[in-house]
Amino acid sequence: MKISIENLTFYCIIGILDFEREKEQKVILDISFKYNYNNSSNFIDYSSVTADIEAIMKEKRFKLIEEAIIYLDKFLKEKYSIKKVKIKISKPNILPNCRVSINNS
């Protein structure tokens, strides 16, 4: 099975610029991963995944998007026994004329 979580949107502190450390900014995450589904007792609750991701992003206040992706990748693999995770983090409002994104795939 494959889970895709698209456009997970919330506000958090992320970035190295002074103004990014003072005020939360909008971030958008896209995450996808495969897992082995055998029966109804072996599933991944995607609502828990999204809650975990948002809580981590708000708590850790990462300075770099790269640090956030590395941390989330490791966390999701360990907690949910996932082999490979694709993560994309976007900061849609950091520049006036574009959306900046980084991904690990």
PDB file of N, CA and C in Angstrom:
ATOM      1  N   MET A   1       0.839  -1.179   0.000  1.00  0.00           N
ATOM      2  CA  MET A   1       0.000   0.000   0.000  1.00  0.00           C
ATOM      3  C   MET A   1       0.885   1.244   0.000  1.00  0.00           C
ATOM      4  N   LYS A   2       0.300   2.327  -0.511  1.00  0.00           N
ATOM      5  CA  LYS A   2       1.011   3.592  -0.513  1.00  0.00           C
ATOM      6  C   LYS A   2       0.105   4.669   0.070  1.00  0.00           C
ATOM      7  N   ILE A   3       0.659   5.427   0.999  1.00  0.00           N
ATOM      8  CA  ILE A   3      -0.042   6.575   1.561  1.00  0.00           C
ATOM      9  C   ILE A   3       0.584   7.834   0.992  1.00  0.00           C
ATOM     10  N   SER A   4      -0.253   8.735   0.527  1.00  0.00           N
ATOM     11  CA  SER A   4       0.191  10.048   0.074  1.00  0.00           C
ATOM     12  C   SER A   4      -0.554  11.109   0.878  1.00  0.00           C
ATOM     13  N   ILE A   5       0.203  11.973   1.485  1.00  0.00           N
ATOM     14  CA  ILE A   5      -0.358  13.098   2.224  1.00  0.00           C
ATOM     15  C   ILE A   5       0.084  14.337   1.466  1.00  0.00           C
ATOM     16  N   GLU A   6      -0.884  15.059   0.915  1.00  0.00           N
ATOM     17  CA  GLU A   6      -0.565  16.203   0.069  1.00  0.00           C
ATOM     18  C   GLU A   6      -1.116  17.491   0.662  1.00  0.00           C
ATOM     19  N   ASN A   7      -0.325  18.527   0.541  1.00  0.00           N
ATOM     20  CA  ASN A   7      -0.735  19.870   0.975  1.00  0.00           C
ATOM     21  C   ASN A   7      -1.059  19.956   2.465  1.00  0.00           C
ATOM     22  N   LEU A   8      -0.304  19.246   3.278  1.00  0.00           N
ATOM     23  CA  LEU A   8      -0.440  19.397   4.731  1.00  0.00           C
ATOM     24  C   LEU A   8       0.079  20.798   5.059  1.00  0.00           C
ATOM     25  N   THR A   9      -0.809  21.669   5.476  1.00  0.00           N
ATOM     26  CA  THR A   9      -0.493  23.088   5.608  1.00  0.00           C
ATOM     27  C   THR A   9      -0.691  23.560   7.043  1.00  0.00           C
ATOM     28  N   PHE A  10       0.295  24.270   7.540  1.00  0.00           N
ATOM     29  CA  PHE A  10       0.214  24.864   8.875  1.00  0.00           C
ATOM     30  C   PHE A  10       1.282  25.945   8.983  1.00  0.00           C
ATOM     31  N   TYR A  11       1.320  26.623  10.114  1.00  0.00           N
ATOM     32  CA  TYR A  11       2.280  27.694  10.356  1.00  0.00           C
ATOM     33  C   TYR A  11       3.250  27.262  11.442  1.00  0.00           C
ATOM     34  N   CYS A  12       4.537  27.578  11.235  1.00  0.00           N
ATOM     35  CA  CYS A  12       5.553  27.259  12.239  1.00  0.00           C
ATOM     36  C   CYS A  12       6.767  28.161  12.035  1.00  0.00           C
ATOM     37  N   ILE A  13       7.669  28.124  13.002  1.00  0.00           N
ATOM     38  CA  ILE A  13       8.938  28.837  12.886  1.00  0.00           C
ATOM     39  C   ILE A  13       9.895  27.924  12.141  1.00  0.00           C
ATOM     40  N   ILE A  14      10.396  28.392  11.009  1.00  0.00           N
ATOM     41  CA  ILE A  14      11.406  27.649  10.244  1.00  0.00           C
ATOM     42  C   ILE A  14      12.186  28.644   9.406  1.00  0.00           C
ATOM     43  N   GLY A  15      13.493  28.536   9.451  1.00  0.00           N
ATOM     44  CA  GLY A  15      14.337  29.422   8.655  1.00  0.00           C
ATOM     45  C   GLY A  15      15.458  30.022   9.474  1.00  0.00           C
ATOM     46  N   ILE A  16      16.410  30.627   8.766  1.00  0.00           N
ATOM     47  CA  ILE A  16      17.579  31.208   9.431  1.00  0.00           C
ATOM     48  C   ILE A  16      17.572  32.729   9.472  1.00  0.00           C
ATOM     49  N   LEU A  17      16.728  33.324   8.669  1.00  0.00           N
ATOM     50  CA  LEU A  17      16.673  34.780   8.655  1.00  0.00           C
ATOM     51  C   LEU A  17      16.007  35.291   9.935  1.00  0.00           C
ATOM     52  N   ASP A  18      16.411  36.472  10.372  1.00  0.00           N
ATOM     53  CA  ASP A  18      15.900  37.025  11.632  1.00  0.00           C
ATOM     54  C   ASP A  18      14.372  37.038  11.686  1.00  0.00           C
ATOM     55  N   PHE A  19      13.737  37.515  10.628  1.00  0.00           N
ATOM     56  CA  PHE A  19      12.275  37.605  10.652  1.00  0.00           C
ATOM     57  C   PHE A  19      11.616  36.222  10.665  1.00  0.00           C
ATOM     58  N   GLU A  20      12.315  35.205  10.155  1.00  0.00           N
ATOM     59  CA  GLU A  20      11.766  33.846  10.170  1.00  0.00           C
ATOM     60  C   GLU A  20      11.798  33.233  11.574  1.00  0.00           C
ATOM     61  N   ARG A  21      12.670  33.733  12.414  1.00  0.00           N
ATOM     62  CA  ARG A  21      12.789  33.222  13.780  1.00  0.00           C
ATOM     63  C   ARG A  21      11.780  33.896  14.706  1.00  0.00           C
ATOM     64  N   GLU A  22      11.173  34.987  14.251  1.00  0.00           N
ATOM     65  CA  GLU A  22      10.261  35.757  15.093  1.00  0.00           C
ATOM     66  C   GLU A  22       8.794  35.454  14.837  1.00  0.00           C
ATOM     67  N   LYS A  23       8.456  35.155  13.603  1.00  0.00           N
ATOM     68  CA  LYS A  23       7.050  34.989  13.242  1.00  0.00           C
ATOM     69  C   LYS A  23       6.851  33.684  12.475  1.00  0.00           C
ATOM     70  N   GLU A  24       5.800  32.954  12.837  1.00  0.00           N
ATOM     71  CA  GLU A  24       5.498  31.720  12.121  1.00  0.00           C
ATOM     72  C   GLU A  24       5.183  32.018  10.666  1.00  0.00           C
ATOM     73  N   GLN A  25       5.575  31.109   9.798  1.00  0.00           N
ATOM     74  CA  GLN A  25       5.255  31.246   8.390  1.00  0.00           C
ATOM     75  C   GLN A  25       4.566  29.977   7.890  1.00  0.00           C
ATOM     76  N   LYS A  26       3.878  30.119   6.809  1.00  0.00           N
ATOM     77  CA  LYS A  26       3.139  29.010   6.219  1.00  0.00           C
ATOM     78  C   LYS A  26       4.118  28.011   5.601  1.00  0.00           C
ATOM     79  N   VAL A  27       3.901  26.734   5.899  1.00  0.00           N
ATOM     80  CA  VAL A  27       4.648  25.661   5.253  1.00  0.00           C
ATOM     81  C   VAL A  27       3.652  24.636   4.714  1.00  0.00           C
ATOM     82  N   ILE A  28       4.051  23.993   3.645  1.00  0.00           N
ATOM     83  CA  ILE A  28       3.229  22.961   3.026  1.00  0.00           C
ATOM     84  C   ILE A  28       4.093  21.718   2.860  1.00  0.00           C
ATOM     85  N   LEU A  29       3.592  20.592   3.340  1.00  0.00           N
ATOM     86  CA  LEU A  29       4.333  19.340   3.222  1.00  0.00           C
ATOM     87  C   LEU A  29       3.571  18.348   2.362  1.00  0.00           C
ATOM     88  N   ASP A  30       4.326  17.636   1.546  1.00  0.00           N
ATOM     89  CA  ASP A  30       3.834  16.495   0.781  1.00  0.00           C
ATOM     90  C   ASP A  30       4.686  15.313   1.199  1.00  0.00           C
ATOM     91  N   ILE A  31       4.037  14.243   1.615  1.00  0.00           N
ATOM     92  CA  ILE A  31       4.727  13.055   2.103  1.00  0.00           C
ATOM     93  C   ILE A  31       4.107  11.839   1.448  1.00  0.00           C
ATOM     94  N   SER A  32       4.933  10.885   1.062  1.00  0.00           N
ATOM     95  CA  SER A  32       4.401   9.616   0.570  1.00  0.00           C
ATOM     96  C   SER A  32       5.331   8.489   0.995  1.00  0.00           C
ATOM     97  N   PHE A  33       4.726   7.337   1.234  1.00  0.00           N
ATOM     98  CA  PHE A  33       5.498   6.157   1.619  1.00  0.00           C
ATOM     99  C   PHE A  33       4.676   4.903   1.375  1.00  0.00           C
ATOM    100  N   LYS A  34       5.383   3.797   1.197  1.00  0.00           N
ATOM    101  CA  LYS A  34       4.740   2.500   1.030  1.00  0.00           C
ATOM    102  C   LYS A  34       4.913   1.701   2.309  1.00  0.00           C
ATOM    103  N   TYR A  35       3.960   0.829   2.549  1.00  0.00           N
ATOM    104  CA  TYR A  35       4.070  -0.062   3.701  1.00  0.00           C
ATOM    105  C   TYR A  35       3.340  -1.360   3.387  1.00  0.00           C
ATOM    106  N   ASN A  36       3.658  -2.386   4.170  1.00  0.00           N
ATOM    107  CA  ASN A  36       3.040  -3.697   3.974  1.00  0.00           C
ATOM    108  C   ASN A  36       1.754  -3.782   4.774  1.00  0.00           C
ATOM    109  N   TYR A  37       0.664  -3.889   4.057  1.00  0.00           N
ATOM    110  CA  TYR A  37      -0.647  -4.062   4.681  1.00  0.00           C
ATOM    111  C   TYR A  37      -1.034  -5.525   4.528  1.00  0.00           C
ATOM    112  N   ASN A  38      -1.217  -6.197   5.679  1.00  0.00           N
ATOM    113  CA  ASN A  38      -1.575  -7.615   5.652  1.00  0.00           C
ATOM    114  C   ASN A  38      -3.017  -7.868   6.068  1.00  0.00           C
ATOM    115  N   ASN A  39      -3.464  -7.107   7.043  1.00  0.00           N
ATOM    116  CA  ASN A  39      -4.841  -7.260   7.523  1.00  0.00           C
ATOM    117  C   ASN A  39      -5.252  -5.989   8.260  1.00  0.00           C
ATOM    118  N   SER A  40      -6.470  -5.972   8.759  1.00  0.00           N
ATOM    119  CA  SER A  40      -7.003  -4.747   9.363  1.00  0.00           C
ATOM    120  C   SER A  40      -6.277  -4.320  10.642  1.00  0.00           C
ATOM    121  N   SER A  41      -5.458  -5.179  11.218  1.00  0.00           N
ATOM    122  CA  SER A  41      -4.712  -4.781  12.410  1.00  0.00           C
ATOM    123  C   SER A  41      -3.316  -4.258  12.049  1.00  0.00           C
ATOM    124  N   ASN A  42      -2.954  -4.341  10.782  1.00  0.00           N
ATOM    125  CA  ASN A  42      -1.648  -3.878  10.330  1.00  0.00           C
ATOM    126  C   ASN A  42      -1.839  -2.725   9.342  1.00  0.00           C
ATOM    127  N   PHE A  43      -2.080  -1.541   9.882  1.00  0.00           N
ATOM    128  CA  PHE A  43      -2.266  -0.370   9.034  1.00  0.00           C
ATOM    129  C   PHE A  43      -1.598   0.826   9.695  1.00  0.00           C
ATOM    130  N   ILE A  44      -1.395   1.865   8.910  1.00  0.00           N
ATOM    131  CA  ILE A  44      -0.828   3.102   9.432  1.00  0.00           C
ATOM    132  C   ILE A  44      -1.928   4.157   9.430  1.00  0.00           C
ATOM    133  N   ASP A  45      -2.145   4.741  10.575  1.00  0.00           N
ATOM    134  CA  ASP A  45      -3.167   5.777  10.742  1.00  0.00           C
ATOM    135  C   ASP A  45      -2.602   7.103  10.231  1.00  0.00           C
ATOM    136  N   TYR A  46      -3.047   7.518   9.061  1.00  0.00           N
ATOM    137  CA  TYR A  46      -2.495   8.735   8.461  1.00  0.00           C
ATOM    138  C   TYR A  46      -2.815   9.975   9.274  1.00  0.00           C
ATOM    139  N   SER A  47      -3.880   9.956  10.056  1.00  0.00           N
ATOM    140  CA  SER A  47      -4.159  11.125  10.901  1.00  0.00           C
ATOM    141  C   SER A  47      -3.106  11.264  11.998  1.00  0.00           C
ATOM    142  N   SER A  48      -2.596  10.137  12.491  1.00  0.00           N
ATOM    143  CA  SER A  48      -1.501  10.178  13.473  1.00  0.00           C
ATOM    144  C   SER A  48      -0.212  10.686  12.831  1.00  0.00           C
ATOM    145  N   VAL A  49       0.040  10.258  11.603  1.00  0.00           N
ATOM    146  CA  VAL A  49       1.232  10.716  10.888  1.00  0.00           C
ATOM    147  C   VAL A  49       1.200  12.232  10.730  1.00  0.00           C
ATOM    148  N   THR A  50       0.076  12.771  10.286  1.00  0.00           N
ATOM    149  CA  THR A  50      -0.006  14.218  10.073  1.00  0.00           C
ATOM    150  C   THR A  50       0.104  14.985  11.400  1.00  0.00           C
ATOM    151  N   ALA A  51      -0.508  14.459  12.446  1.00  0.00           N
ATOM    152  CA  ALA A  51      -0.418  15.115  13.757  1.00  0.00           C
ATOM    153  C   ALA A  51       1.018  15.109  14.269  1.00  0.00           C
ATOM    154  N   ASP A  52       1.707  13.987  14.096  1.00  0.00           N
ATOM    155  CA  ASP A  52       3.113  13.893  14.512  1.00  0.00           C
ATOM    156  C   ASP A  52       3.982  14.901  13.761  1.00  0.00           C
ATOM    157  N   ILE A  53       3.795  14.976  12.459  1.00  0.00           N
ATOM    158  CA  ILE A  53       4.601  15.875  11.635  1.00  0.00           C
ATOM    159  C   ILE A  53       4.388  17.335  12.047  1.00  0.00           C
ATOM    160  N   GLU A  54       3.144  17.735  12.196  1.00  0.00           N
ATOM    161  CA  GLU A  54       2.864  19.115  12.580  1.00  0.00           C
ATOM    162  C   GLU A  54       3.438  19.432  13.959  1.00  0.00           C
ATOM    163  N   ALA A  55       3.273  18.520  14.905  1.00  0.00           N
ATOM    164  CA  ALA A  55       3.797  18.743  16.260  1.00  0.00           C
ATOM    165  C   ALA A  55       5.321  18.871  16.250  1.00  0.00           C
ATOM    166  N   ILE A  56       5.991  18.018  15.500  1.00  0.00           N
ATOM    167  CA  ILE A  56       7.454  18.076  15.417  1.00  0.00           C
ATOM    168  C   ILE A  56       7.909  19.396  14.803  1.00  0.00           C
ATOM    169  N   MET A  57       7.287  19.781  13.704  1.00  0.00           N
ATOM    170  CA  MET A  57       7.686  21.013  13.022  1.00  0.00           C
ATOM    171  C   MET A  57       7.495  22.229  13.925  1.00  0.00           C
ATOM    172  N   LYS A  58       6.431  22.251  14.690  1.00  0.00           N
ATOM    173  CA  LYS A  58       6.174  23.388  15.576  1.00  0.00           C
ATOM    174  C   LYS A  58       7.112  23.373  16.782  1.00  0.00           C
ATOM    175  N   GLU A  59       7.380  22.195  17.313  1.00  0.00           N
ATOM    176  CA  GLU A  59       8.229  22.079  18.511  1.00  0.00           C
ATOM    177  C   GLU A  59       9.703  22.337  18.205  1.00  0.00           C
ATOM    178  N   LYS A  60      10.207  21.778  17.121  1.00  0.00           N
ATOM    179  CA  LYS A  60      11.650  21.823  16.838  1.00  0.00           C
ATOM    180  C   LYS A  60      12.130  23.161  16.291  1.00  0.00           C
ATOM    181  N   ARG A  61      11.234  23.914  15.626  1.00  0.00           N
ATOM    182  CA  ARG A  61      11.622  25.225  15.104  1.00  0.00           C
ATOM    183  C   ARG A  61      12.929  25.146  14.306  1.00  0.00           C
ATOM    184  N   PHE A  62      12.940  24.297  13.308  1.00  0.00           N
ATOM    185  CA  PHE A  62      14.140  24.049  12.508  1.00  0.00           C
ATOM    186  C   PHE A  62      14.652  25.319  11.848  1.00  0.00           C
ATOM    187  N   LYS A  63      15.965  25.419  11.736  1.00  0.00           N
ATOM    188  CA  LYS A  63      16.564  26.554  11.036  1.00  0.00           C
ATOM    189  C   LYS A  63      16.617  26.302   9.534  1.00  0.00           C
ATOM    190  N   LEU A  64      16.815  25.069   9.137  1.00  0.00           N
ATOM    191  CA  LEU A  64      16.897  24.733   7.719  1.00  0.00           C
ATOM    192  C   LEU A  64      15.837  23.703   7.354  1.00  0.00           C
ATOM    193  N   ILE A  65      15.279  23.844   6.173  1.00  0.00           N
ATOM    194  CA  ILE A  65      14.319  22.848   5.679  1.00  0.00           C
ATOM    195  C   ILE A  65      15.000  21.488   5.588  1.00  0.00           C
ATOM    196  N   GLU A  66      16.266  21.485   5.193  1.00  0.00           N
ATOM    197  CA  GLU A  66      17.013  20.233   5.078  1.00  0.00           C
ATOM    198  C   GLU A  66      17.046  19.482   6.411  1.00  0.00           C
ATOM    199  N   GLU A  67      17.274  20.217   7.503  1.00  0.00           N
ATOM    200  CA  GLU A  67      17.288  19.595   8.840  1.00  0.00           C
ATOM    201  C   GLU A  67      15.927  18.995   9.165  1.00  0.00           C
ATOM    202  N   ALA A  68      14.869  19.688   8.803  1.00  0.00           N
ATOM    203  CA  ALA A  68      13.514  19.191   9.065  1.00  0.00           C
ATOM    204  C   ALA A  68      13.259  17.896   8.296  1.00  0.00           C
ATOM    205  N   ILE A  69      13.650  17.853   7.036  1.00  0.00           N
ATOM    206  CA  ILE A  69      13.429  16.656   6.230  1.00  0.00           C
ATOM    207  C   ILE A  69      14.202  15.469   6.789  1.00  0.00           C
ATOM    208  N   ILE A  70      15.460  15.682   7.154  1.00  0.00           N
ATOM    209  CA  ILE A  70      16.271  14.590   7.714  1.00  0.00           C
ATOM    210  C   ILE A  70      15.642  14.077   9.007  1.00  0.00           C
ATOM    211  N   TYR A  71      15.225  14.985   9.873  1.00  0.00           N
ATOM    212  CA  TYR A  71      14.608  14.585  11.143  1.00  0.00           C
ATOM    213  C   TYR A  71      13.299  13.825  10.910  1.00  0.00           C
ATOM    214  N   LEU A  72      12.428  14.367  10.072  1.00  0.00           N
ATOM    215  CA  LEU A  72      11.139  13.714   9.807  1.00  0.00           C
ATOM    216  C   LEU A  72      11.321  12.355   9.150  1.00  0.00           C
ATOM    217  N   ASP A  73      12.259  12.256   8.225  1.00  0.00           N
ATOM    218  CA  ASP A  73      12.539  10.990   7.552  1.00  0.00           C
ATOM    219  C   ASP A  73      12.905   9.909   8.583  1.00  0.00           C
ATOM    220  N   LYS A  74      13.818  10.230   9.452  1.00  0.00           N
ATOM    221  CA  LYS A  74      14.259   9.270  10.480  1.00  0.00           C
ATOM    222  C   LYS A  74      13.109   8.931  11.433  1.00  0.00           C
ATOM    223  N   PHE A  75      12.382   9.950  11.881  1.00  0.00           N
ATOM    224  CA  PHE A  75      11.273   9.737  12.810  1.00  0.00           C
ATOM    225  C   PHE A  75      10.216   8.803  12.215  1.00  0.00           C
ATOM    226  N   LEU A  76       9.787   9.083  10.988  1.00  0.00           N
ATOM    227  CA  LEU A  76       8.729   8.284  10.365  1.00  0.00           C
ATOM    228  C   LEU A  76       9.172   6.844  10.129  1.00  0.00           C
ATOM    229  N   LYS A  77      10.410   6.666   9.717  1.00  0.00           N
ATOM    230  CA  LYS A  77      10.926   5.312   9.503  1.00  0.00           C
ATOM    231  C   LYS A  77      10.952   4.516  10.799  1.00  0.00           C
ATOM    232  N   GLU A  78      11.382   5.159  11.871  1.00  0.00           N
ATOM    233  CA  GLU A  78      11.473   4.463  13.161  1.00  0.00           C
ATOM    234  C   GLU A  78      10.096   4.205  13.769  1.00  0.00           C
ATOM    235  N   LYS A  79       9.253   5.218  13.819  1.00  0.00           N
ATOM    236  CA  LYS A  79       7.962   5.067  14.493  1.00  0.00           C
ATOM    237  C   LYS A  79       6.993   4.166  13.735  1.00  0.00           C
ATOM    238  N   TYR A  80       6.989   4.280  12.413  1.00  0.00           N
ATOM    239  CA  TYR A  80       5.992   3.565  11.624  1.00  0.00           C
ATOM    240  C   TYR A  80       6.570   2.398  10.818  1.00  0.00           C
ATOM    241  N   SER A  81       7.825   2.071  11.048  1.00  0.00           N
ATOM    242  CA  SER A  81       8.491   0.945  10.363  1.00  0.00           C
ATOM    243  C   SER A  81       8.356   1.046   8.837  1.00  0.00           C
ATOM    244  N   ILE A  82       8.682   2.207   8.327  1.00  0.00           N
ATOM    245  CA  ILE A  82       8.622   2.467   6.903  1.00  0.00           C
ATOM    246  C   ILE A  82      10.048   2.404   6.350  1.00  0.00           C
ATOM    247  N   LYS A  83      10.198   1.842   5.176  1.00  0.00           N
ATOM    248  CA  LYS A  83      11.531   1.730   4.576  1.00  0.00           C
ATOM    249  C   LYS A  83      11.965   3.016   3.864  1.00  0.00           C
ATOM    250  N   LYS A  84      11.095   3.572   3.032  1.00  0.00           N
ATOM    251  CA  LYS A  84      11.453   4.755   2.250  1.00  0.00           C
ATOM    252  C   LYS A  84      10.329   5.779   2.332  1.00  0.00           C
ATOM    253  N   VAL A  85      10.712   7.010   2.595  1.00  0.00           N
ATOM    254  CA  VAL A  85       9.754   8.107   2.720  1.00  0.00           C
ATOM    255  C   VAL A  85      10.164   9.221   1.762  1.00  0.00           C
ATOM    256  N   LYS A  86       9.209   9.765   1.036  1.00  0.00           N
ATOM    257  CA  LYS A  86       9.447  10.943   0.208  1.00  0.00           C
ATOM    258  C   LYS A  86       8.807  12.129   0.910  1.00  0.00           C
ATOM    259  N   ILE A  87       9.602  13.165   1.124  1.00  0.00           N
ATOM    260  CA  ILE A  87       9.119  14.349   1.827  1.00  0.00           C
ATOM    261  C   ILE A  87       9.483  15.588   1.009  1.00  0.00           C
ATOM    262  N   LYS A  88       8.512  16.462   0.864  1.00  0.00           N
ATOM    263  CA  LYS A  88       8.740  17.756   0.223  1.00  0.00           C
ATOM    264  C   LYS A  88       8.190  18.827   1.157  1.00  0.00           C
ATOM    265  N   ILE A  89       9.014  19.810   1.473  1.00  0.00           N
ATOM    266  CA  ILE A  89       8.589  20.928   2.309  1.00  0.00           C
ATOM    267  C   ILE A  89       8.691  22.201   1.474  1.00  0.00           C
ATOM    268  N   SER A  90       7.600  22.949   1.456  1.00  0.00           N
ATOM    269  CA  SER A  90       7.548  24.200   0.697  1.00  0.00           C
ATOM    270  C   SER A  90       7.273  25.374   1.627  1.00  0.00           C
ATOM    271  N   LYS A  91       7.906  26.484   1.305  1.00  0.00           N
ATOM    272  CA  LYS A  91       7.643  27.750   1.973  1.00  0.00           C
ATOM    273  C   LYS A  91       7.070  28.671   0.892  1.00  0.00           C
ATOM    274  N   PRO A  92       5.749  28.731   0.784  1.00  0.00           N
ATOM    275  CA  PRO A  92       5.132  29.436  -0.346  1.00  0.00           C
ATOM    276  C   PRO A  92       5.219  30.955  -0.297  1.00  0.00           C
ATOM    277  N   ASN A  93       5.489  31.509   0.850  1.00  0.00           N
ATOM    278  CA  ASN A  93       5.455  32.967   0.974  1.00  0.00           C
ATOM    279  C   ASN A  93       6.807  33.596   1.303  1.00  0.00           C
ATOM    280  N   ILE A  94       7.886  32.819   1.245  1.00  0.00           N
ATOM    281  CA  ILE A  94       9.185  33.349   1.651  1.00  0.00           C
ATOM    282  C   ILE A  94       9.727  34.365   0.636  1.00  0.00           C
ATOM    283  N   LEU A  95       9.430  34.165  -0.640  1.00  0.00           N
ATOM    284  CA  LEU A  95       9.815  35.113  -1.686  1.00  0.00           C
ATOM    285  C   LEU A  95       8.543  35.588  -2.386  1.00  0.00           C
ATOM    286  N   PRO A  96       8.524  36.822  -2.835  1.00  0.00           N
ATOM    287  CA  PRO A  96       7.281  37.365  -3.382  1.00  0.00           C
ATOM    288  C   PRO A  96       6.845  36.764  -4.713  1.00  0.00           C
ATOM    289  N   ASN A  97       7.754  36.177  -5.456  1.00  0.00           N
ATOM    290  CA  ASN A  97       7.414  35.747  -6.803  1.00  0.00           C
ATOM    291  C   ASN A  97       7.524  34.239  -7.048  1.00  0.00           C
ATOM    292  N   CYS A  98       7.666  33.442  -5.980  1.00  0.00           N
ATOM    293  CA  CYS A  98       7.773  31.998  -6.185  1.00  0.00           C
ATOM    294  C   CYS A  98       7.551  31.227  -4.885  1.00  0.00           C
ATOM    295  N   ARG A  99       7.430  29.941  -5.014  1.00  0.00           N
ATOM    296  CA  ARG A  99       7.343  29.020  -3.885  1.00  0.00           C
ATOM    297  C   ARG A  99       8.680  28.276  -3.819  1.00  0.00           C
ATOM    298  N   VAL A 100       9.309  28.253  -2.662  1.00  0.00           N
ATOM    299  CA  VAL A 100      10.576  27.548  -2.478  1.00  0.00           C
ATOM    300  C   VAL A 100      10.290  26.205  -1.835  1.00  0.00           C
ATOM    301  N   SER A 101      10.865  25.134  -2.416  1.00  0.00           N
ATOM    302  CA  SER A 101      10.646  23.774  -1.902  1.00  0.00           C
ATOM    303  C   SER A 101      11.942  22.996  -1.890  1.00  0.00           C
ATOM    304  N   ILE A 102      12.022  22.072  -0.969  1.00  0.00           N
ATOM    305  CA  ILE A 102      13.134  21.115  -0.912  1.00  0.00           C
ATOM    306  C   ILE A 102      12.529  19.751  -0.689  1.00  0.00           C
ATOM    307  N   ASN A 103      13.079  18.743  -1.361  1.00  0.00           N
ATOM    308  CA  ASN A 103      12.616  17.375  -1.127  1.00  0.00           C
ATOM    309  C   ASN A 103      13.786  16.418  -1.054  1.00  0.00           C
ATOM    310  N   ASN A 104      13.510  15.242  -0.532  1.00  0.00           N
ATOM    311  CA  ASN A 104      14.554  14.245  -0.348  1.00  0.00           C
ATOM    312  C   ASN A 104      14.508  13.139  -1.388  1.00  0.00           C
ATOM    313  N   SER A 105      13.750  13.316  -2.458  1.00  0.00           N
ATOM    314  CA  SER A 105      13.684  12.247  -3.451  1.00  0.00           C
ATOM    315  C   SER A 105      14.442  12.582  -4.715  1.00  0.00           C
TER     316      SER A 105
END
